[in-house]
């Protein structure tokens, strides 16, 4: 595989892992990545291969982090709930309905 093809594939892999935004208004991170890929075209081949390998590892890490967060949300849905809501849902799961407290606004 040619170095240019590998560079394009790695750049696209990194962009896929970043939050999607409009191309007309890129974030500073998008601009920095684009500038890095444009300026690295003048480096020697060994240095480019090393930078591509590092960029590929970053893309793989970002992909793994995204998968990790998705799995964490899927298997631990109560992590973002407060204590009261977690207790109420646990009670409903076993067939109980907690009494409504007079001061609560939820009904």
PDB file of N, CA and C in Angstrom:
ATOM      1  N   UNK A   1       0.858  -1.172   0.000  1.00  0.00           N
ATOM      2  CA  UNK A   1       0.000   0.000   0.000  1.00  0.00           C
ATOM      3  C   UNK A   1       0.901   1.232   0.000  1.00  0.00           C
ATOM      4  N   UNK A   2       0.549   2.189  -0.821  1.00  0.00           N
ATOM      5  CA  UNK A   2       1.380   3.389  -0.904  1.00  0.00           C
ATOM      6  C   UNK A   2       1.214   4.244   0.349  1.00  0.00           C
ATOM      7  N   UNK A   3       2.182   5.076   0.569  1.00  0.00           N
ATOM      8  CA  UNK A   3       2.193   5.922   1.756  1.00  0.00           C
ATOM      9  C   UNK A   3       1.053   6.939   1.729  1.00  0.00           C
ATOM     10  N   UNK A   4       0.735   7.470   0.542  1.00  0.00           N
ATOM     11  CA  UNK A   4      -0.363   8.439   0.431  1.00  0.00           C
ATOM     12  C   UNK A   4      -1.704   7.795   0.750  1.00  0.00           C
ATOM     13  N   UNK A   5      -1.915   6.578   0.274  1.00  0.00           N
ATOM     14  CA  UNK A   5      -3.168   5.877   0.554  1.00  0.00           C
ATOM     15  C   UNK A   5      -3.302   5.592   2.040  1.00  0.00           C
ATOM     16  N   UNK A   6      -2.231   5.149   2.646  1.00  0.00           N
ATOM     17  CA  UNK A   6      -2.244   4.862   4.075  1.00  0.00           C
ATOM     18  C   UNK A   6      -2.484   6.143   4.884  1.00  0.00           C
ATOM     19  N   UNK A   7      -1.910   7.242   4.430  1.00  0.00           N
ATOM     20  CA  UNK A   7      -2.112   8.524   5.109  1.00  0.00           C
ATOM     21  C   UNK A   7      -3.578   8.934   5.059  1.00  0.00           C
ATOM     22  N   UNK A   8      -4.186   8.823   3.879  1.00  0.00           N
ATOM     23  CA  UNK A   8      -5.606   9.171   3.744  1.00  0.00           C
ATOM     24  C   UNK A   8      -6.488   8.276   4.609  1.00  0.00           C
ATOM     25  N   UNK A   9      -6.200   6.984   4.636  1.00  0.00           N
ATOM     26  CA  UNK A   9      -7.004   6.061   5.433  1.00  0.00           C
ATOM     27  C   UNK A   9      -6.898   6.376   6.922  1.00  0.00           C
ATOM     28  N   UNK A  10      -5.711   6.679   7.375  1.00  0.00           N
ATOM     29  CA  UNK A  10      -5.516   7.001   8.788  1.00  0.00           C
ATOM     30  C   UNK A  10      -6.206   8.314   9.145  1.00  0.00           C
ATOM     31  N   UNK A  11      -6.096   9.301   8.284  1.00  0.00           N
ATOM     32  CA  UNK A  11      -6.755  10.592   8.510  1.00  0.00           C
ATOM     33  C   UNK A  11      -8.271  10.410   8.592  1.00  0.00           C
ATOM     34  N   UNK A  12      -8.830   9.641   7.680  1.00  0.00           N
ATOM     35  CA  UNK A  12     -10.275   9.393   7.695  1.00  0.00           C
ATOM     36  C   UNK A  12     -10.697   8.604   8.924  1.00  0.00           C
ATOM     37  N   UNK A  13      -9.872   7.657   9.355  1.00  0.00           N
ATOM     38  CA  UNK A  13     -10.192   6.877  10.557  1.00  0.00           C
ATOM     39  C   UNK A  13     -10.247   7.777  11.787  1.00  0.00           C
ATOM     40  N   UNK A  14      -9.320   8.725  11.869  1.00  0.00           N
ATOM     41  CA  UNK A  14      -9.334   9.659  13.002  1.00  0.00           C
ATOM     42  C   UNK A  14     -10.561  10.561  12.924  1.00  0.00           C
ATOM     43  N   UNK A  15     -10.885  11.051  11.741  1.00  0.00           N
ATOM     44  CA  UNK A  15     -12.057  11.926  11.597  1.00  0.00           C
ATOM     45  C   UNK A  15     -13.350  11.200  11.935  1.00  0.00           C
ATOM     46  N   UNK A  16     -13.431   9.901  11.631  1.00  0.00           N
ATOM     47  CA  UNK A  16     -14.634   9.127  11.958  1.00  0.00           C
ATOM     48  C   UNK A  16     -14.869   9.057  13.464  1.00  0.00           C
ATOM     49  N   UNK A  17     -13.815   9.087  14.232  1.00  0.00           N
ATOM     50  CA  UNK A  17     -13.947   8.963  15.682  1.00  0.00           C
ATOM     51  C   UNK A  17     -14.235  10.294  16.368  1.00  0.00           C
ATOM     52  N   UNK A  18     -14.023  11.392  15.681  1.00  0.00           N
ATOM     53  CA  UNK A  18     -14.319  12.703  16.257  1.00  0.00           C
ATOM     54  C   UNK A  18     -15.801  13.020  16.085  1.00  0.00           C
ATOM     55  N   UNK A  19     -16.359  13.873  16.950  1.00  0.00           N
ATOM     56  CA  UNK A  19     -17.761  14.268  16.772  1.00  0.00           C
ATOM     57  C   UNK A  19     -17.964  14.943  15.419  1.00  0.00           C
ATOM     58  N   UNK A  20     -19.062  14.622  14.776  1.00  0.00           N
ATOM     59  CA  UNK A  20     -19.332  15.167  13.442  1.00  0.00           C
ATOM     60  C   UNK A  20     -19.839  16.599  13.544  1.00  0.00           C
ATOM     61  N   UNK A  21     -19.241  17.448  12.745  1.00  0.00           N
ATOM     62  CA  UNK A  21     -19.657  18.843  12.649  1.00  0.00           C
ATOM     63  C   UNK A  21     -19.679  19.222  11.178  1.00  0.00           C
ATOM     64  N   UNK A  22     -20.187  20.389  10.900  1.00  0.00           N
ATOM     65  CA  UNK A  22     -20.238  20.821   9.507  1.00  0.00           C
ATOM     66  C   UNK A  22     -18.830  21.125   8.998  1.00  0.00           C
ATOM     67  N   UNK A  23     -18.613  20.857   7.727  1.00  0.00           N
ATOM     68  CA  UNK A  23     -17.304  21.102   7.132  1.00  0.00           C
ATOM     69  C   UNK A  23     -17.023  22.589   6.963  1.00  0.00           C
ATOM     70  N   UNK A  24     -18.079  23.397   6.889  1.00  0.00           N
ATOM     71  CA  UNK A  24     -17.873  24.830   6.704  1.00  0.00           C
ATOM     72  C   UNK A  24     -17.396  25.516   7.987  1.00  0.00           C
ATOM     73  N   UNK A  25     -17.632  24.877   9.144  1.00  0.00           N
ATOM     74  CA  UNK A  25     -17.227  25.465  10.416  1.00  0.00           C
ATOM     75  C   UNK A  25     -16.477  24.417  11.249  1.00  0.00           C
ATOM     76  N   UNK A  26     -15.233  24.090  10.878  1.00  0.00           N
ATOM     77  CA  UNK A  26     -14.505  23.043  11.615  1.00  0.00           C
ATOM     78  C   UNK A  26     -14.042  23.523  12.989  1.00  0.00           C
ATOM     79  N   UNK A  27     -13.912  22.581  13.900  1.00  0.00           N
ATOM     80  CA  UNK A  27     -13.422  22.897  15.241  1.00  0.00           C
ATOM     81  C   UNK A  27     -11.913  23.107  15.189  1.00  0.00           C
ATOM     82  N   UNK A  28     -11.333  23.684  16.233  1.00  0.00           N
ATOM     83  CA  UNK A  28      -9.873  23.829  16.256  1.00  0.00           C
ATOM     84  C   UNK A  28      -9.146  22.486  16.143  1.00  0.00           C
ATOM     85  N   UNK A  29      -9.723  21.430  16.705  1.00  0.00           N
ATOM     86  CA  UNK A  29      -9.100  20.106  16.597  1.00  0.00           C
ATOM     87  C   UNK A  29      -9.090  19.614  15.156  1.00  0.00           C
ATOM     88  N   UNK A  30     -10.195  19.806  14.438  1.00  0.00           N
ATOM     89  CA  UNK A  30     -10.246  19.422  13.026  1.00  0.00           C
ATOM     90  C   UNK A  30      -9.217  20.209  12.205  1.00  0.00           C
ATOM     91  N   UNK A  31      -9.145  21.508  12.469  1.00  0.00           N
ATOM     92  CA  UNK A  31      -8.177  22.338  11.736  1.00  0.00           C
ATOM     93  C   UNK A  31      -6.745  21.914  12.035  1.00  0.00           C
ATOM     94  N   UNK A  32      -6.463  21.613  13.296  1.00  0.00           N
ATOM     95  CA  UNK A  32      -5.111  21.194  13.687  1.00  0.00           C
ATOM     96  C   UNK A  32      -4.737  19.872  13.014  1.00  0.00           C
ATOM     97  N   UNK A  33      -5.666  18.933  12.980  1.00  0.00           N
ATOM     98  CA  UNK A  33      -5.396  17.658  12.308  1.00  0.00           C
ATOM     99  C   UNK A  33      -5.133  17.862  10.823  1.00  0.00           C
ATOM    100  N   UNK A  34      -5.958  18.684  10.195  1.00  0.00           N
ATOM    101  CA  UNK A  34      -5.773  18.945   8.764  1.00  0.00           C
ATOM    102  C   UNK A  34      -4.415  19.592   8.503  1.00  0.00           C
ATOM    103  N   UNK A  35      -4.040  20.549   9.351  1.00  0.00           N
ATOM    104  CA  UNK A  35      -2.732  21.198   9.191  1.00  0.00           C
ATOM    105  C   UNK A  35      -1.582  20.218   9.400  1.00  0.00           C
ATOM    106  N   UNK A  36      -1.719  19.336  10.387  1.00  0.00           N
ATOM    107  CA  UNK A  36      -0.674  18.338  10.627  1.00  0.00           C
ATOM    108  C   UNK A  36      -0.489  17.427   9.422  1.00  0.00           C
ATOM    109  N   UNK A  37      -1.584  17.005   8.826  1.00  0.00           N
ATOM    110  CA  UNK A  37      -1.473  16.118   7.668  1.00  0.00           C
ATOM    111  C   UNK A  37      -0.946  16.855   6.437  1.00  0.00           C
ATOM    112  N   UNK A  38      -1.244  18.124   6.327  1.00  0.00           N
ATOM    113  CA  UNK A  38      -0.718  18.885   5.183  1.00  0.00           C
ATOM    114  C   UNK A  38       0.777  19.162   5.329  1.00  0.00           C
ATOM    115  N   UNK A  39       1.229  19.507   6.528  1.00  0.00           N
ATOM    116  CA  UNK A  39       2.641  19.846   6.714  1.00  0.00           C
ATOM    117  C   UNK A  39       3.539  18.619   6.756  1.00  0.00           C
ATOM    118  N   UNK A  40       2.986  17.466   7.080  1.00  0.00           N
ATOM    119  CA  UNK A  40       3.807  16.257   7.167  1.00  0.00           C
ATOM    120  C   UNK A  40       4.141  15.669   5.808  1.00  0.00           C
ATOM    121  N   UNK A  41       3.636  16.212   4.744  1.00  0.00           N
ATOM    122  CA  UNK A  41       3.925  15.683   3.420  1.00  0.00           C
ATOM    123  C   UNK A  41       5.370  15.948   3.008  1.00  0.00           C
ATOM    124  N   UNK A  42       6.036  16.879   3.677  1.00  0.00           N
ATOM    125  CA  UNK A  42       7.415  17.207   3.307  1.00  0.00           C
ATOM    126  C   UNK A  42       8.445  16.431   4.123  1.00  0.00           C
ATOM    127  N   UNK A  43       8.023  15.648   5.113  1.00  0.00           N
ATOM    128  CA  UNK A  43       8.963  14.902   5.954  1.00  0.00           C
ATOM    129  C   UNK A  43       9.499  13.686   5.200  1.00  0.00           C
ATOM    130  N   UNK A  44      10.603  13.125   5.704  1.00  0.00           N
ATOM    131  CA  UNK A  44      11.167  11.946   5.043  1.00  0.00           C
ATOM    132  C   UNK A  44      10.287  10.716   5.308  1.00  0.00           C
ATOM    133  N   UNK A  45      10.507   9.672   4.548  1.00  0.00           N
ATOM    134  CA  UNK A  45       9.608   8.517   4.548  1.00  0.00           C
ATOM    135  C   UNK A  45       9.594   7.771   5.883  1.00  0.00           C
ATOM    136  N   UNK A  46      10.734   7.606   6.525  1.00  0.00           N
ATOM    137  CA  UNK A  46      10.779   6.898   7.813  1.00  0.00           C
ATOM    138  C   UNK A  46      10.003   7.647   8.888  1.00  0.00           C
ATOM    139  N   UNK A  47      10.166   8.966   8.910  1.00  0.00           N
ATOM    140  CA  UNK A  47       9.439   9.774   9.892  1.00  0.00           C
ATOM    141  C   UNK A  47       7.936   9.729   9.615  1.00  0.00           C
ATOM    142  N   UNK A  48       7.556   9.760   8.345  1.00  0.00           N
ATOM    143  CA  UNK A  48       6.137   9.672   7.996  1.00  0.00           C
ATOM    144  C   UNK A  48       5.539   8.342   8.439  1.00  0.00           C
ATOM    145  N   UNK A  49       6.255   7.255   8.226  1.00  0.00           N
ATOM    146  CA  UNK A  49       5.761   5.937   8.647  1.00  0.00           C
ATOM    147  C   UNK A  49       5.567   5.884  10.165  1.00  0.00           C
ATOM    148  N   UNK A  50       6.499   6.465  10.902  1.00  0.00           N
ATOM    149  CA  UNK A  50       6.385   6.477  12.354  1.00  0.00           C
ATOM    150  C   UNK A  50       5.180   7.316  12.791  1.00  0.00           C
ATOM    151  N   UNK A  51       4.992   8.464  12.165  1.00  0.00           N
ATOM    152  CA  UNK A  51       3.844   9.316  12.505  1.00  0.00           C
ATOM    153  C   UNK A  51       2.526   8.651  12.123  1.00  0.00           C
ATOM    154  N   UNK A  52       2.512   7.951  10.995  1.00  0.00           N
ATOM    155  CA  UNK A  52       1.301   7.240  10.588  1.00  0.00           C
ATOM    156  C   UNK A  52       0.962   6.122  11.567  1.00  0.00           C
ATOM    157  N   UNK A  53       1.969   5.432  12.043  1.00  0.00           N
ATOM    158  CA  UNK A  53       1.737   4.370  13.009  1.00  0.00           C
ATOM    159  C   UNK A  53       1.163   4.946  14.304  1.00  0.00           C
ATOM    160  N   UNK A  54       1.692   6.074  14.743  1.00  0.00           N
ATOM    161  CA  UNK A  54       1.176   6.738  15.941  1.00  0.00           C
ATOM    162  C   UNK A  54      -0.262   7.204  15.726  1.00  0.00           C
ATOM    163  N   UNK A  55      -0.544   7.776  14.573  1.00  0.00           N
ATOM    164  CA  UNK A  55      -1.901   8.242  14.272  1.00  0.00           C
ATOM    165  C   UNK A  55      -2.871   7.067  14.202  1.00  0.00           C
ATOM    166  N   UNK A  56      -2.433   5.950  13.640  1.00  0.00           N
ATOM    167  CA  UNK A  56      -3.281   4.765  13.574  1.00  0.00           C
ATOM    168  C   UNK A  56      -3.586   4.238  14.974  1.00  0.00           C
ATOM    169  N   UNK A  57      -2.611   4.255  15.857  1.00  0.00           N
ATOM    170  CA  UNK A  57      -2.836   3.833  17.238  1.00  0.00           C
ATOM    171  C   UNK A  57      -3.819   4.759  17.942  1.00  0.00           C
ATOM    172  N   UNK A  58      -3.731   6.068  17.668  1.00  0.00           N
ATOM    173  CA  UNK A  58      -4.682   7.013  18.259  1.00  0.00           C
ATOM    174  C   UNK A  58      -6.101   6.743  17.765  1.00  0.00           C
ATOM    175  N   UNK A  59      -6.246   6.436  16.485  1.00  0.00           N
ATOM    176  CA  UNK A  59      -7.568   6.132  15.935  1.00  0.00           C
ATOM    177  C   UNK A  59      -8.126   4.861  16.563  1.00  0.00           C
ATOM    178  N   UNK A  60      -7.290   3.849  16.736  1.00  0.00           N
ATOM    179  CA  UNK A  60      -7.739   2.609  17.367  1.00  0.00           C
ATOM    180  C   UNK A  60      -8.126   2.845  18.822  1.00  0.00           C
ATOM    181  N   UNK A  61      -7.367   3.671  19.517  1.00  0.00           N
ATOM    182  CA  UNK A  61      -7.680   3.992  20.904  1.00  0.00           C
ATOM    183  C   UNK A  61      -9.017   4.728  21.001  1.00  0.00           C
ATOM    184  N   UNK A  62      -9.236   5.698  20.130  1.00  0.00           N
ATOM    185  CA  UNK A  62     -10.496   6.451  20.146  1.00  0.00           C
ATOM    186  C   UNK A  62     -11.673   5.529  19.837  1.00  0.00           C
ATOM    187  N   UNK A  63     -11.502   4.603  18.908  1.00  0.00           N
ATOM    188  CA  UNK A  63     -12.548   3.637  18.574  1.00  0.00           C
ATOM    189  C   UNK A  63     -12.849   2.740  19.781  1.00  0.00           C
ATOM    190  N   UNK A  64     -11.803   2.285  20.464  1.00  0.00           N
ATOM    191  CA  UNK A  64     -11.980   1.437  21.642  1.00  0.00           C
ATOM    192  C   UNK A  64     -12.669   2.203  22.770  1.00  0.00           C
ATOM    193  N   UNK A  65     -12.324   3.468  22.956  1.00  0.00           N
ATOM    194  CA  UNK A  65     -12.970   4.280  23.986  1.00  0.00           C
ATOM    195  C   UNK A  65     -14.452   4.474  23.698  1.00  0.00           C
ATOM    196  N   UNK A  66     -14.787   4.689  22.434  1.00  0.00           N
ATOM    197  CA  UNK A  66     -16.190   4.851  22.058  1.00  0.00           C
ATOM    198  C   UNK A  66     -16.960   3.566  22.350  1.00  0.00           C
ATOM    199  N   UNK A  67     -16.379   2.422  22.021  1.00  0.00           N
ATOM    200  CA  UNK A  67     -17.018   1.135  22.307  1.00  0.00           C
ATOM    201  C   UNK A  67     -17.155   0.917  23.808  1.00  0.00           C
ATOM    202  N   UNK A  68     -16.131   1.290  24.555  1.00  0.00           N
ATOM    203  CA  UNK A  68     -16.150   1.138  26.006  1.00  0.00           C
ATOM    204  C   UNK A  68     -17.281   1.951  26.629  1.00  0.00           C
ATOM    205  N   UNK A  69     -17.432   3.188  26.205  1.00  0.00           N
ATOM    206  CA  UNK A  69     -18.488   4.049  26.746  1.00  0.00           C
ATOM    207  C   UNK A  69     -19.865   3.489  26.393  1.00  0.00           C
ATOM    208  N   UNK A  70     -20.024   2.985  25.169  1.00  0.00           N
ATOM    209  CA  UNK A  70     -21.308   2.403  24.770  1.00  0.00           C
ATOM    210  C   UNK A  70     -21.633   1.178  25.616  1.00  0.00           C
ATOM    211  N   UNK A  71     -20.655   0.315  25.852  1.00  0.00           N
ATOM    212  CA  UNK A  71     -20.882  -0.871  26.680  1.00  0.00           C
ATOM    213  C   UNK A  71     -21.152  -0.494  28.131  1.00  0.00           C
ATOM    214  N   UNK A  72     -20.445   0.491  28.633  1.00  0.00           N
ATOM    215  CA  UNK A  72     -20.650   0.941  30.004  1.00  0.00           C
ATOM    216  C   UNK A  72     -22.066   1.478  30.192  1.00  0.00           C
ATOM    217  N   UNK A  73     -22.543   2.269  29.253  1.00  0.00           N
ATOM    218  CA  UNK A  73     -23.911   2.790  29.325  1.00  0.00           C
ATOM    219  C   UNK A  73     -24.939   1.671  29.212  1.00  0.00           C
ATOM    220  N   UNK A  74     -24.636   0.682  28.396  1.00  0.00           N
ATOM    221  CA  UNK A  74     -25.589  -0.410  28.184  1.00  0.00           C
ATOM    222  C   UNK A  74     -25.720  -1.302  29.413  1.00  0.00           C
ATOM    223  N   UNK A  75     -24.610  -1.633  30.040  1.00  0.00           N
ATOM    224  CA  UNK A  75     -24.642  -2.579  31.147  1.00  0.00           C
ATOM    225  C   UNK A  75     -24.725  -1.928  32.519  1.00  0.00           C
ATOM    226  N   UNK A  76     -24.600  -0.638  32.615  1.00  0.00           N
ATOM    227  CA  UNK A  76     -24.745   0.084  33.880  1.00  0.00           C
ATOM    228  C   UNK A  76     -25.646   1.294  33.667  1.00  0.00           C
ATOM    229  N   UNK A  77     -26.923   1.076  33.391  1.00  0.00           N
ATOM    230  CA  UNK A  77     -27.785   2.215  33.067  1.00  0.00           C
ATOM    231  C   UNK A  77     -28.039   3.151  34.242  1.00  0.00           C
ATOM    232  N   UNK A  78     -27.818   2.705  35.463  1.00  0.00           N
ATOM    233  CA  UNK A  78     -28.106   3.542  36.615  1.00  0.00           C
ATOM    234  C   UNK A  78     -26.971   4.438  37.048  1.00  0.00           C
ATOM    235  N   UNK A  79     -25.880   4.437  36.315  1.00  0.00           N
ATOM    236  CA  UNK A  79     -24.722   5.240  36.735  1.00  0.00           C
ATOM    237  C   UNK A  79     -25.009   6.733  36.736  1.00  0.00           C
ATOM    238  N   UNK A  80     -25.864   7.184  35.852  1.00  0.00           N
ATOM    239  CA  UNK A  80     -26.125   8.617  35.760  1.00  0.00           C
ATOM    240  C   UNK A  80     -27.334   9.049  36.588  1.00  0.00           C
ATOM    241  N   UNK A  81     -27.994   8.094  37.244  1.00  0.00           N
ATOM    242  CA  UNK A  81     -29.171   8.433  38.049  1.00  0.00           C
ATOM    243  C   UNK A  81     -28.754   8.847  39.453  1.00  0.00           C
ATOM    244  N   UNK A  82     -29.610   9.653  40.073  1.00  0.00           N
ATOM    245  CA  UNK A  82     -29.357   9.977  41.464  1.00  0.00           C
ATOM    246  C   UNK A  82     -29.862   8.828  42.346  1.00  0.00           C
ATOM    247  N   UNK A  83     -29.516   8.873  43.618  1.00  0.00           N
ATOM    248  CA  UNK A  83     -29.819   7.779  44.552  1.00  0.00           C
ATOM    249  C   UNK A  83     -31.318   7.514  44.665  1.00  0.00           C
ATOM    250  N   UNK A  84     -32.104   8.568  44.752  1.00  0.00           N
ATOM    251  CA  UNK A  84     -33.549   8.417  44.928  1.00  0.00           C
ATOM    252  C   UNK A  84     -34.195   7.728  43.720  1.00  0.00           C
ATOM    253  N   UNK A  85     -33.797   8.131  42.533  1.00  0.00           N
ATOM    254  CA  UNK A  85     -34.342   7.531  41.314  1.00  0.00           C
ATOM    255  C   UNK A  85     -33.926   6.067  41.201  1.00  0.00           C
ATOM    256  N   UNK A  86     -32.699   5.750  41.560  1.00  0.00           N
ATOM    257  CA  UNK A  86     -32.213   4.373  41.513  1.00  0.00           C
ATOM    258  C   UNK A  86     -33.001   3.484  42.479  1.00  0.00           C
ATOM    259  N   UNK A  87     -33.282   3.983  43.683  1.00  0.00           N
ATOM    260  CA  UNK A  87     -34.060   3.221  44.668  1.00  0.00           C
ATOM    261  C   UNK A  87     -35.480   3.009  44.167  1.00  0.00           C
ATOM    262  N   UNK A  88     -36.080   4.049  43.587  1.00  0.00           N
ATOM    263  CA  UNK A  88     -37.447   3.932  43.075  1.00  0.00           C
ATOM    264  C   UNK A  88     -37.532   2.886  41.966  1.00  0.00           C
ATOM    265  N   UNK A  89     -36.577   2.900  41.042  1.00  0.00           N
ATOM    266  CA  UNK A  89     -36.598   1.931  39.945  1.00  0.00           C
ATOM    267  C   UNK A  89     -36.298   0.514  40.423  1.00  0.00           C
ATOM    268  N   UNK A  90     -35.439   0.376  41.428  1.00  0.00           N
ATOM    269  CA  UNK A  90     -35.171  -0.948  41.991  1.00  0.00           C
ATOM    270  C   UNK A  90     -36.421  -1.497  42.660  1.00  0.00           C
ATOM    271  N   UNK A  91     -37.136  -0.660  43.380  1.00  0.00           N
ATOM    272  CA  UNK A  91     -38.377  -1.095  44.022  1.00  0.00           C
ATOM    273  C   UNK A  91     -39.415  -1.506  42.976  1.00  0.00           C
ATOM    274  N   UNK A  92     -39.526  -0.775  41.899  1.00  0.00           N
ATOM    275  CA  UNK A  92     -40.475  -1.137  40.836  1.00  0.00           C
ATOM    276  C   UNK A  92     -40.094  -2.447  40.172  1.00  0.00           C
ATOM    277  N   UNK A  93     -38.790  -2.704  40.067  1.00  0.00           N
ATOM    278  CA  UNK A  93     -38.322  -3.933  39.434  1.00  0.00           C
ATOM    279  C   UNK A  93     -38.782  -5.163  40.220  1.00  0.00           C
ATOM    280  N   UNK A  94     -38.866  -5.069  41.552  1.00  0.00           N
ATOM    281  CA  UNK A  94     -39.300  -6.207  42.364  1.00  0.00           C
ATOM    282  C   UNK A  94     -40.795  -6.155  42.679  1.00  0.00           C
ATOM    283  N   UNK A  95     -41.510  -5.202  42.095  1.00  0.00           N
ATOM    284  CA  UNK A  95     -42.964  -5.173  42.225  1.00  0.00           C
ATOM    285  C   UNK A  95     -43.515  -4.229  43.263  1.00  0.00           C
ATOM    286  N   UNK A  96     -42.705  -3.392  43.818  1.00  0.00           N
ATOM    287  CA  UNK A  96     -43.183  -2.438  44.808  1.00  0.00           C
ATOM    288  C   UNK A  96     -43.279  -1.056  44.196  1.00  0.00           C
ATOM    289  N   UNK A  97     -44.220  -0.287  44.697  1.00  0.00           N
ATOM    290  CA  UNK A  97     -44.291   1.131  44.355  1.00  0.00           C
ATOM    291  C   UNK A  97     -44.028   1.910  45.630  1.00  0.00           C
ATOM    292  N   UNK A  98     -43.031   2.742  45.607  1.00  0.00           N
ATOM    293  CA  UNK A  98     -42.712   3.538  46.786  1.00  0.00           C
ATOM    294  C   UNK A  98     -43.784   4.596  46.992  1.00  0.00           C
ATOM    295  N   UNK A  99     -44.085   4.916  48.238  1.00  0.00           N
ATOM    296  CA  UNK A  99     -45.083   5.960  48.488  1.00  0.00           C
ATOM    297  C   UNK A  99     -44.564   7.321  48.030  1.00  0.00           C
ATOM    298  N   UNK A 100     -45.481   8.144  47.592  1.00  0.00           N
ATOM    299  CA  UNK A 100     -45.129   9.489  47.147  1.00  0.00           C
ATOM    300  C   UNK A 100     -44.978  10.367  48.376  1.00  0.00           C
ATOM    301  N   UNK A 101     -43.856  11.045  48.479  1.00  0.00           N
ATOM    302  CA  UNK A 101     -43.649  11.940  49.615  1.00  0.00           C
ATOM    303  C   UNK A 101     -44.353  13.262  49.337  1.00  0.00           C
ATOM    304  N   UNK A 102     -44.877  13.909  50.366  1.00  0.00           N
ATOM    305  CA  UNK A 102     -45.640  15.142  50.148  1.00  0.00           C
ATOM    306  C   UNK A 102     -44.835  16.267  49.508  1.00  0.00           C
ATOM    307  N   UNK A 103     -43.539  16.331  49.716  1.00  0.00           N
ATOM    308  CA  UNK A 103     -42.738  17.432  49.201  1.00  0.00           C
ATOM    309  C   UNK A 103     -42.216  17.214  47.790  1.00  0.00           C
ATOM    310  N   UNK A 104     -42.419  16.037  47.216  1.00  0.00           N
ATOM    311  CA  UNK A 104     -41.852  15.782  45.880  1.00  0.00           C
ATOM    312  C   UNK A 104     -42.780  16.299  44.799  1.00  0.00           C
ATOM    313  N   UNK A 105     -42.201  16.778  43.735  1.00  0.00           N
ATOM    314  CA  UNK A 105     -42.994  17.315  42.627  1.00  0.00           C
ATOM    315  C   UNK A 105     -43.310  16.245  41.599  1.00  0.00           C
ATOM    316  N   UNK A 106     -42.681  15.068  41.698  1.00  0.00           N
ATOM    317  CA  UNK A 106     -42.938  13.981  40.745  1.00  0.00           C
ATOM    318  C   UNK A 106     -44.186  13.223  41.161  1.00  0.00           C
ATOM    319  N   UNK A 107     -45.026  12.906  40.200  1.00  0.00           N
ATOM    320  CA  UNK A 107     -46.239  12.145  40.509  1.00  0.00           C
ATOM    321  C   UNK A 107     -46.391  11.014  39.554  1.00  0.00           C
TER     322      UNK A 107
END
